[in-house]
Amino acid sequence: MDHMLCQVCNESSKPFQSKLKWVNIVGVESEWFWYQSVRNESVSDKRCAKYLEDYYPPKFTYQDFGPMLTMDFFDAAHMSDLVAMSGAK
């Protein structure tokens, strides 16, 4: 199963769960991507390891992701809406 990233829909009359839509992120199984790619035991792990091998240079480390984090796609309004819809206080 590919990792699913939630995005808030504009439908305000439905319950919280139905306000979410899901999109696939190819090559990513879960938020445990790095752990899975290093563990490399299950079928899911092997897909993560293959993705890492195909798209990142040899000896790429977890710390190498740091400089890549730019927050270009961070949407504060989306996060605020998501927290509000969850009922978190």
PDB file of N, CA and C in Angstrom:
ATOM      1  N   MET A   1       0.847  -1.188   0.000  1.00  0.00           N
ATOM      2  CA  MET A   1       0.000   0.000   0.000  1.00  0.00           C
ATOM      3  C   MET A   1       0.884   1.240   0.000  1.00  0.00           C
ATOM      4  N   ASP A   2       0.642   2.170  -0.874  1.00  0.00           N
ATOM      5  CA  ASP A   2       1.387   3.417  -0.877  1.00  0.00           C
ATOM      6  C   ASP A   2       0.950   4.272   0.290  1.00  0.00           C
ATOM      7  N   HIS A   3       1.845   5.115   0.736  1.00  0.00           N
ATOM      8  CA  HIS A   3       1.517   6.042   1.811  1.00  0.00           C
ATOM      9  C   HIS A   3       0.435   6.988   1.301  1.00  0.00           C
ATOM     10  N   MET A   4      -0.482   7.335   2.171  1.00  0.00           N
ATOM     11  CA  MET A   4      -1.572   8.216   1.784  1.00  0.00           C
ATOM     12  C   MET A   4      -1.411   9.553   2.502  1.00  0.00           C
ATOM     13  N   LEU A   5      -1.435  10.623   1.782  1.00  0.00           N
ATOM     14  CA  LEU A   5      -1.326  11.960   2.329  1.00  0.00           C
ATOM     15  C   LEU A   5      -2.716  12.581   2.336  1.00  0.00           C
ATOM     16  N   CYS A   6      -3.165  13.062   3.484  1.00  0.00           N
ATOM     17  CA  CYS A   6      -4.516  13.627   3.538  1.00  0.00           C
ATOM     18  C   CYS A   6      -4.507  15.069   3.051  1.00  0.00           C
ATOM     19  N   GLN A   7      -5.557  15.452   2.444  1.00  0.00           N
ATOM     20  CA  GLN A   7      -5.784  16.824   2.025  1.00  0.00           C
ATOM     21  C   GLN A   7      -7.224  17.173   2.376  1.00  0.00           C
ATOM     22  N   VAL A   8      -7.434  18.354   2.945  1.00  0.00           N
ATOM     23  CA  VAL A   8      -8.775  18.752   3.356  1.00  0.00           C
ATOM     24  C   VAL A   8      -9.593  19.156   2.138  1.00  0.00           C
ATOM     25  N   CYS A   9     -10.786  18.586   2.042  1.00  0.00           N
ATOM     26  CA  CYS A   9     -11.717  18.957   0.970  1.00  0.00           C
ATOM     27  C   CYS A   9     -12.542  20.162   1.414  1.00  0.00           C
ATOM     28  N   ASN A  10     -13.264  20.746   0.521  1.00  0.00           N
ATOM     29  CA  ASN A  10     -14.045  21.941   0.822  1.00  0.00           C
ATOM     30  C   ASN A  10     -15.449  21.640   1.330  1.00  0.00           C
ATOM     31  N   GLU A  11     -15.790  20.379   1.515  1.00  0.00           N
ATOM     32  CA  GLU A  11     -17.137  20.019   1.946  1.00  0.00           C
ATOM     33  C   GLU A  11     -17.251  20.158   3.460  1.00  0.00           C
ATOM     34  N   SER A  12     -17.958  21.179   3.946  1.00  0.00           N
ATOM     35  CA  SER A  12     -18.005  21.443   5.379  1.00  0.00           C
ATOM     36  C   SER A  12     -19.169  20.756   6.091  1.00  0.00           C
ATOM     37  N   SER A  13     -20.090  20.137   5.362  1.00  0.00           N
ATOM     38  CA  SER A  13     -21.269  19.562   6.006  1.00  0.00           C
ATOM     39  C   SER A  13     -21.103  18.092   6.397  1.00  0.00           C
ATOM     40  N   LYS A  14     -20.046  17.441   5.968  1.00  0.00           N
ATOM     41  CA  LYS A  14     -19.847  16.029   6.246  1.00  0.00           C
ATOM     42  C   LYS A  14     -18.999  15.854   7.515  1.00  0.00           C
ATOM     43  N   PRO A  15     -19.063  14.672   8.136  1.00  0.00           N
ATOM     44  CA  PRO A  15     -18.219  14.411   9.312  1.00  0.00           C
ATOM     45  C   PRO A  15     -16.738  14.529   8.974  1.00  0.00           C
ATOM     46  N   PHE A  16     -15.917  14.653  10.007  1.00  0.00           N
ATOM     47  CA  PHE A  16     -14.474  14.863   9.846  1.00  0.00           C
ATOM     48  C   PHE A  16     -13.847  13.884   8.856  1.00  0.00           C
ATOM     49  N   GLN A  17     -14.089  12.588   9.017  1.00  0.00           N
ATOM     50  CA  GLN A  17     -13.445  11.601   8.174  1.00  0.00           C
ATOM     51  C   GLN A  17     -13.746  11.807   6.691  1.00  0.00           C
ATOM     52  N   SER A  18     -14.945  12.223   6.374  1.00  0.00           N
ATOM     53  CA  SER A  18     -15.287  12.386   4.966  1.00  0.00           C
ATOM     54  C   SER A  18     -14.788  13.715   4.401  1.00  0.00           C
ATOM     55  N   LYS A  19     -14.214  14.568   5.230  1.00  0.00           N
ATOM     56  CA  LYS A  19     -13.646  15.821   4.735  1.00  0.00           C
ATOM     57  C   LYS A  19     -12.229  15.615   4.219  1.00  0.00           C
ATOM     58  N   LEU A  20     -11.723  14.398   4.328  1.00  0.00           N
ATOM     59  CA  LEU A  20     -10.369  14.131   3.888  1.00  0.00           C
ATOM     60  C   LEU A  20     -10.389  13.390   2.566  1.00  0.00           C
ATOM     61  N   LYS A  21      -9.453  13.713   1.717  1.00  0.00           N
ATOM     62  CA  LYS A  21      -9.244  12.907   0.523  1.00  0.00           C
ATOM     63  C   LYS A  21      -7.798  12.434   0.584  1.00  0.00           C
ATOM     64  N   TRP A  22      -7.505  11.364  -0.073  1.00  0.00           N
ATOM     65  CA  TRP A  22      -6.194  10.748   0.043  1.00  0.00           C
ATOM     66  C   TRP A  22      -5.526  10.687  -1.314  1.00  0.00           C
ATOM     67  N   VAL A  23      -4.240  10.989  -1.335  1.00  0.00           N
ATOM     68  CA  VAL A  23      -3.468  10.891  -2.570  1.00  0.00           C
ATOM     69  C   VAL A  23      -2.236  10.025  -2.325  1.00  0.00           C
ATOM     70  N   ASN A  24      -1.834   9.255  -3.305  1.00  0.00           N
ATOM     71  CA  ASN A  24      -0.667   8.388  -3.182  1.00  0.00           C
ATOM     72  C   ASN A  24       0.622   9.172  -3.337  1.00  0.00           C
ATOM     73  N   ILE A  25       1.607   8.777  -2.570  1.00  0.00           N
ATOM     74  CA  ILE A  25       2.968   9.264  -2.747  1.00  0.00           C
ATOM     75  C   ILE A  25       3.753   8.050  -3.209  1.00  0.00           C
ATOM     76  N   VAL A  26       4.122   8.017  -4.463  1.00  0.00           N
ATOM     77  CA  VAL A  26       4.760   6.848  -5.052  1.00  0.00           C
ATOM     78  C   VAL A  26       6.070   6.539  -4.330  1.00  0.00           C
ATOM     79  N   GLY A  27       6.261   5.258  -3.979  1.00  0.00           N
ATOM     80  CA  GLY A  27       7.506   4.818  -3.377  1.00  0.00           C
ATOM     81  C   GLY A  27       7.561   4.925  -1.877  1.00  0.00           C
ATOM     82  N   VAL A  28       6.590   5.565  -1.274  1.00  0.00           N
ATOM     83  CA  VAL A  28       6.604   5.747   0.176  1.00  0.00           C
ATOM     84  C   VAL A  28       5.494   4.901   0.778  1.00  0.00           C
ATOM     85  N   GLU A  29       5.851   4.029   1.693  1.00  0.00           N
ATOM     86  CA  GLU A  29       4.898   3.120   2.315  1.00  0.00           C
ATOM     87  C   GLU A  29       4.226   3.750   3.526  1.00  0.00           C
ATOM     88  N   SER A  30       4.963   4.520   4.306  1.00  0.00           N
ATOM     89  CA  SER A  30       4.422   5.106   5.528  1.00  0.00           C
ATOM     90  C   SER A  30       5.391   6.161   6.036  1.00  0.00           C
ATOM     91  N   GLU A  31       5.071   6.720   7.186  1.00  0.00           N
ATOM     92  CA  GLU A  31       5.978   7.680   7.803  1.00  0.00           C
ATOM     93  C   GLU A  31       7.256   6.995   8.300  1.00  0.00           C
ATOM     94  N   TRP A  32       7.275   5.671   8.239  1.00  0.00           N
ATOM     95  CA  TRP A  32       8.435   4.868   8.638  1.00  0.00           C
ATOM     96  C   TRP A  32       9.322   4.548   7.430  1.00  0.00           C
ATOM     97  N   PHE A  33       9.251   5.347   6.388  1.00  0.00           N
ATOM     98  CA  PHE A  33       9.987   5.090   5.149  1.00  0.00           C
ATOM     99  C   PHE A  33      11.461   4.779   5.405  1.00  0.00           C
ATOM    100  N   TRP A  34      12.137   5.625   6.158  1.00  0.00           N
ATOM    101  CA  TRP A  34      13.579   5.424   6.353  1.00  0.00           C
ATOM    102  C   TRP A  34      13.841   4.105   7.075  1.00  0.00           C
ATOM    103  N   TYR A  35      13.103   3.870   8.150  1.00  0.00           N
ATOM    104  CA  TYR A  35      13.263   2.626   8.915  1.00  0.00           C
ATOM    105  C   TYR A  35      13.029   1.411   8.017  1.00  0.00           C
ATOM    106  N   GLN A  36      11.980   1.466   7.225  1.00  0.00           N
ATOM    107  CA  GLN A  36      11.669   0.346   6.339  1.00  0.00           C
ATOM    108  C   GLN A  36      12.761   0.132   5.293  1.00  0.00           C
ATOM    109  N   SER A  37      13.281   1.222   4.739  1.00  0.00           N
ATOM    110  CA  SER A  37      14.290   1.077   3.694  1.00  0.00           C
ATOM    111  C   SER A  37      15.588   0.502   4.246  1.00  0.00           C
ATOM    112  N   VAL A  38      15.897   0.790   5.501  1.00  0.00           N
ATOM    113  CA  VAL A  38      17.108   0.260   6.125  1.00  0.00           C
ATOM    114  C   VAL A  38      16.883  -1.182   6.606  1.00  0.00           C
ATOM    115  N   ARG A  39      15.693  -1.450   7.174  1.00  0.00           N
ATOM    116  CA  ARG A  39      15.374  -2.796   7.674  1.00  0.00           C
ATOM    117  C   ARG A  39      15.355  -3.795   6.513  1.00  0.00           C
ATOM    118  N   ASN A  40      14.657  -3.436   5.424  1.00  0.00           N
ATOM    119  CA  ASN A  40      14.660  -4.195   4.178  1.00  0.00           C
ATOM    120  C   ASN A  40      14.351  -5.681   4.368  1.00  0.00           C
ATOM    121  N   GLU A  41      13.296  -6.006   5.113  1.00  0.00           N
ATOM    122  CA  GLU A  41      12.914  -7.400   5.354  1.00  0.00           C
ATOM    123  C   GLU A  41      11.636  -7.803   4.617  1.00  0.00           C
ATOM    124  N   SER A  42      10.578  -7.035   4.769  1.00  0.00           N
ATOM    125  CA  SER A  42       9.291  -7.391   4.165  1.00  0.00           C
ATOM    126  C   SER A  42       9.208  -6.887   2.725  1.00  0.00           C
ATOM    127  N   VAL A  43       8.151  -7.274   2.043  1.00  0.00           N
ATOM    128  CA  VAL A  43       7.918  -6.790   0.680  1.00  0.00           C
ATOM    129  C   VAL A  43       7.817  -5.270   0.690  1.00  0.00           C
ATOM    130  N   SER A  44       7.099  -4.745   1.662  1.00  0.00           N
ATOM    131  CA  SER A  44       6.943  -3.299   1.800  1.00  0.00           C
ATOM    132  C   SER A  44       8.300  -2.628   2.029  1.00  0.00           C
ATOM    133  N   ASP A  45       9.121  -3.218   2.898  1.00  0.00           N
ATOM    134  CA  ASP A  45      10.460  -2.685   3.161  1.00  0.00           C
ATOM    135  C   ASP A  45      11.286  -2.658   1.883  1.00  0.00           C
ATOM    136  N   LYS A  46      11.196  -3.732   1.125  1.00  0.00           N
ATOM    137  CA  LYS A  46      11.992  -3.847  -0.098  1.00  0.00           C
ATOM    138  C   LYS A  46      11.601  -2.782  -1.120  1.00  0.00           C
ATOM    139  N   ARG A  47      10.311  -2.419  -1.157  1.00  0.00           N
ATOM    140  CA  ARG A  47       9.885  -1.331  -2.060  1.00  0.00           C
ATOM    141  C   ARG A  47      10.511  -0.012  -1.625  1.00  0.00           C
ATOM    142  N   CYS A  48      10.552   0.228  -0.324  1.00  0.00           N
ATOM    143  CA  CYS A  48      11.171   1.464   0.179  1.00  0.00           C
ATOM    144  C   CYS A  48      12.664   1.475  -0.124  1.00  0.00           C
ATOM    145  N   ALA A  49      13.336   0.344   0.100  1.00  0.00           N
ATOM    146  CA  ALA A  49      14.771   0.250  -0.167  1.00  0.00           C
ATOM    147  C   ALA A  49      15.058   0.486  -1.655  1.00  0.00           C
ATOM    148  N   LYS A  50      14.209  -0.087  -2.501  1.00  0.00           N
ATOM    149  CA  LYS A  50      14.376   0.085  -3.953  1.00  0.00           C
ATOM    150  C   LYS A  50      14.185   1.552  -4.348  1.00  0.00           C
ATOM    151  N   TYR A  51      13.178   2.195  -3.763  1.00  0.00           N
ATOM    152  CA  TYR A  51      12.930   3.612  -4.052  1.00  0.00           C
ATOM    153  C   TYR A  51      14.142   4.449  -3.636  1.00  0.00           C
ATOM    154  N   LEU A  52      14.671   4.183  -2.458  1.00  0.00           N
ATOM    155  CA  LEU A  52      15.839   4.912  -1.964  1.00  0.00           C
ATOM    156  C   LEU A  52      17.027   4.696  -2.903  1.00  0.00           C
ATOM    157  N   GLU A  53      17.227   3.471  -3.314  1.00  0.00           N
ATOM    158  CA  GLU A  53      18.329   3.132  -4.217  1.00  0.00           C
ATOM    159  C   GLU A  53      18.163   3.819  -5.581  1.00  0.00           C
ATOM    160  N   ASP A  54      16.929   3.857  -6.085  1.00  0.00           N
ATOM    161  CA  ASP A  54      16.663   4.428  -7.407  1.00  0.00           C
ATOM    162  C   ASP A  54      16.746   5.948  -7.458  1.00  0.00           C
ATOM    163  N   TYR A  55      16.399   6.620  -6.361  1.00  0.00           N
ATOM    164  CA  TYR A  55      16.253   8.076  -6.420  1.00  0.00           C
ATOM    165  C   TYR A  55      17.226   8.873  -5.561  1.00  0.00           C
ATOM    166  N   TYR A  56      18.092   8.203  -4.823  1.00  0.00           N
ATOM    167  CA  TYR A  56      19.059   8.915  -3.979  1.00  0.00           C
ATOM    168  C   TYR A  56      20.450   8.350  -4.223  1.00  0.00           C
ATOM    169  N   PRO A  57      21.490   9.172  -4.013  1.00  0.00           N
ATOM    170  CA  PRO A  57      22.855   8.688  -4.275  1.00  0.00           C
ATOM    171  C   PRO A  57      23.278   7.599  -3.282  1.00  0.00           C
ATOM    172  N   PRO A  58      24.278   6.802  -3.657  1.00  0.00           N
ATOM    173  CA  PRO A  58      24.786   5.782  -2.735  1.00  0.00           C
ATOM    174  C   PRO A  58      25.246   6.421  -1.423  1.00  0.00           C
ATOM    175  N   LYS A  59      25.096   5.698  -0.343  1.00  0.00           N
ATOM    176  CA  LYS A  59      25.497   6.143   1.002  1.00  0.00           C
ATOM    177  C   LYS A  59      24.713   7.363   1.487  1.00  0.00           C
ATOM    178  N   PHE A  60      23.551   7.594   0.905  1.00  0.00           N
ATOM    179  CA  PHE A  60      22.666   8.673   1.352  1.00  0.00           C
ATOM    180  C   PHE A  60      22.201   8.350   2.770  1.00  0.00           C
ATOM    181  N   THR A  61      22.244   9.325   3.661  1.00  0.00           N
ATOM    182  CA  THR A  61      21.857   9.101   5.057  1.00  0.00           C
ATOM    183  C   THR A  61      20.591   9.873   5.402  1.00  0.00           C
ATOM    184  N   TYR A  62      20.006   9.503   6.505  1.00  0.00           N
ATOM    185  CA  TYR A  62      18.812  10.195   6.991  1.00  0.00           C
ATOM    186  C   TYR A  62      19.108  11.685   7.187  1.00  0.00           C
ATOM    187  N   GLN A  63      20.289  11.990   7.702  1.00  0.00           N
ATOM    188  CA  GLN A  63      20.676  13.379   7.950  1.00  0.00           C
ATOM    189  C   GLN A  63      20.770  14.184   6.654  1.00  0.00           C
ATOM    190  N   ASP A  64      21.005  13.509   5.543  1.00  0.00           N
ATOM    191  CA  ASP A  64      21.080  14.199   4.253  1.00  0.00           C
ATOM    192  C   ASP A  64      19.742  14.791   3.824  1.00  0.00           C
ATOM    193  N   PHE A  65      18.651  14.309   4.407  1.00  0.00           N
ATOM    194  CA  PHE A  65      17.341  14.883   4.093  1.00  0.00           C
ATOM    195  C   PHE A  65      17.196  16.307   4.648  1.00  0.00           C
ATOM    196  N   GLY A  66      17.894  16.624   5.737  1.00  0.00           N
ATOM    197  CA  GLY A  66      17.754  17.914   6.424  1.00  0.00           C
ATOM    198  C   GLY A  66      17.794  19.128   5.512  1.00  0.00           C
ATOM    199  N   PRO A  67      18.861  19.310   4.748  1.00  0.00           N
ATOM    200  CA  PRO A  67      18.950  20.489   3.878  1.00  0.00           C
ATOM    201  C   PRO A  67      17.866  20.535   2.799  1.00  0.00           C
ATOM    202  N   MET A  68      17.236  19.387   2.528  1.00  0.00           N
ATOM    203  CA  MET A  68      16.184  19.332   1.506  1.00  0.00           C
ATOM    204  C   MET A  68      14.842  19.833   2.031  1.00  0.00           C
ATOM    205  N   LEU A  69      14.711  19.944   3.339  1.00  0.00           N
ATOM    206  CA  LEU A  69      13.447  20.359   3.940  1.00  0.00           C
ATOM    207  C   LEU A  69      13.303  21.867   3.799  1.00  0.00           C
ATOM    208  N   THR A  70      12.476  22.287   2.855  1.00  0.00           N
ATOM    209  CA  THR A  70      12.332  23.714   2.566  1.00  0.00           C
ATOM    210  C   THR A  70      10.989  24.286   3.010  1.00  0.00           C
ATOM    211  N   MET A  71      10.021  23.411   3.279  1.00  0.00           N
ATOM    212  CA  MET A  71       8.668  23.829   3.666  1.00  0.00           C
ATOM    213  C   MET A  71       7.959  24.578   2.543  1.00  0.00           C
ATOM    214  N   ASP A  72       8.388  24.396   1.318  1.00  0.00           N
ATOM    215  CA  ASP A  72       7.763  25.055   0.170  1.00  0.00           C
ATOM    216  C   ASP A  72       6.273  24.754   0.060  1.00  0.00           C
ATOM    217  N   PHE A  73       5.877  23.567   0.451  1.00  0.00           N
ATOM    218  CA  PHE A  73       4.485  23.159   0.288  1.00  0.00           C
ATOM    219  C   PHE A  73       3.703  23.195   1.596  1.00  0.00           C
ATOM    220  N   PHE A  74       4.297  23.743   2.664  1.00  0.00           N
ATOM    221  CA  PHE A  74       3.595  23.834   3.941  1.00  0.00           C
ATOM    222  C   PHE A  74       2.463  24.841   3.819  1.00  0.00           C
ATOM    223  N   ASP A  75       1.290  24.447   4.247  1.00  0.00           N
ATOM    224  CA  ASP A  75       0.113  25.301   4.182  1.00  0.00           C
ATOM    225  C   ASP A  75      -0.451  25.435   5.594  1.00  0.00           C
ATOM    226  N   ALA A  76      -0.141  26.532   6.252  1.00  0.00           N
ATOM    227  CA  ALA A  76      -0.559  26.740   7.640  1.00  0.00           C
ATOM    228  C   ALA A  76      -2.078  26.711   7.781  1.00  0.00           C
ATOM    229  N   ALA A  77      -2.803  27.266   6.825  1.00  0.00           N
ATOM    230  CA  ALA A  77      -4.270  27.260   6.882  1.00  0.00           C
ATOM    231  C   ALA A  77      -4.794  25.822   6.817  1.00  0.00           C
ATOM    232  N   HIS A  78      -4.208  24.999   5.975  1.00  0.00           N
ATOM    233  CA  HIS A  78      -4.605  23.592   5.871  1.00  0.00           C
ATOM    234  C   HIS A  78      -4.381  22.881   7.200  1.00  0.00           C
ATOM    235  N   MET A  79      -3.223  23.086   7.795  1.00  0.00           N
ATOM    236  CA  MET A  79      -2.922  22.425   9.070  1.00  0.00           C
ATOM    237  C   MET A  79      -3.872  22.905  10.162  1.00  0.00           C
ATOM    238  N   SER A  80      -4.163  24.180  10.178  1.00  0.00           N
ATOM    239  CA  SER A  80      -5.092  24.731  11.157  1.00  0.00           C
ATOM    240  C   SER A  80      -6.487  24.123  10.992  1.00  0.00           C
ATOM    241  N   ASP A  81      -6.943  24.026   9.751  1.00  0.00           N
ATOM    242  CA  ASP A  81      -8.250  23.412   9.469  1.00  0.00           C
ATOM    243  C   ASP A  81      -8.272  21.947   9.889  1.00  0.00           C
ATOM    244  N   LEU A  82      -7.186  21.240   9.612  1.00  0.00           N
ATOM    245  CA  LEU A  82      -7.101  19.819   9.952  1.00  0.00           C
ATOM    246  C   LEU A  82      -7.177  19.612  11.470  1.00  0.00           C
ATOM    247  N   VAL A  83      -6.442  20.427  12.218  1.00  0.00           N
ATOM    248  CA  VAL A  83      -6.474  20.338  13.677  1.00  0.00           C
ATOM    249  C   VAL A  83      -7.862  20.693  14.200  1.00  0.00           C
ATOM    250  N   ALA A  84      -8.450  21.749  13.666  1.00  0.00           N
ATOM    251  CA  ALA A  84      -9.804  22.147  14.105  1.00  0.00           C
ATOM    252  C   ALA A  84     -10.823  21.055  13.828  1.00  0.00           C
ATOM    253  N   MET A  85     -10.771  20.436  12.649  1.00  0.00           N
ATOM    254  CA  MET A  85     -11.715  19.379  12.306  1.00  0.00           C
ATOM    255  C   MET A  85     -11.524  18.129  13.150  1.00  0.00           C
ATOM    256  N   SER A  86     -10.313  17.920  13.662  1.00  0.00           N
ATOM    257  CA  SER A  86     -10.050  16.727  14.456  1.00  0.00           C
ATOM    258  C   SER A  86     -10.662  16.831  15.853  1.00  0.00           C
ATOM    259  N   GLY A  87     -11.002  18.059  16.238  1.00  0.00           N
ATOM    260  CA  GLY A  87     -11.548  18.262  17.579  1.00  0.00           C
ATOM    261  C   GLY A  87     -10.466  18.496  18.620  1.00  0.00           C
ATOM    262  N   ALA A  88      -9.219  18.515  18.214  1.00  0.00           N
ATOM    263  CA  ALA A  88      -8.113  18.761  19.153  1.00  0.00           C
ATOM    264  C   ALA A  88      -8.238  20.158  19.755  1.00  0.00           C
ATOM    265  N   LYS A  89      -7.884  20.246  21.019  1.00  0.00           N
ATOM    266  CA  LYS A  89      -7.938  21.553  21.699  1.00  0.00           C
ATOM    267  C   LYS A  89      -6.611  21.871  22.325  1.00  0.00           C
TER     268      LYS A  89
END
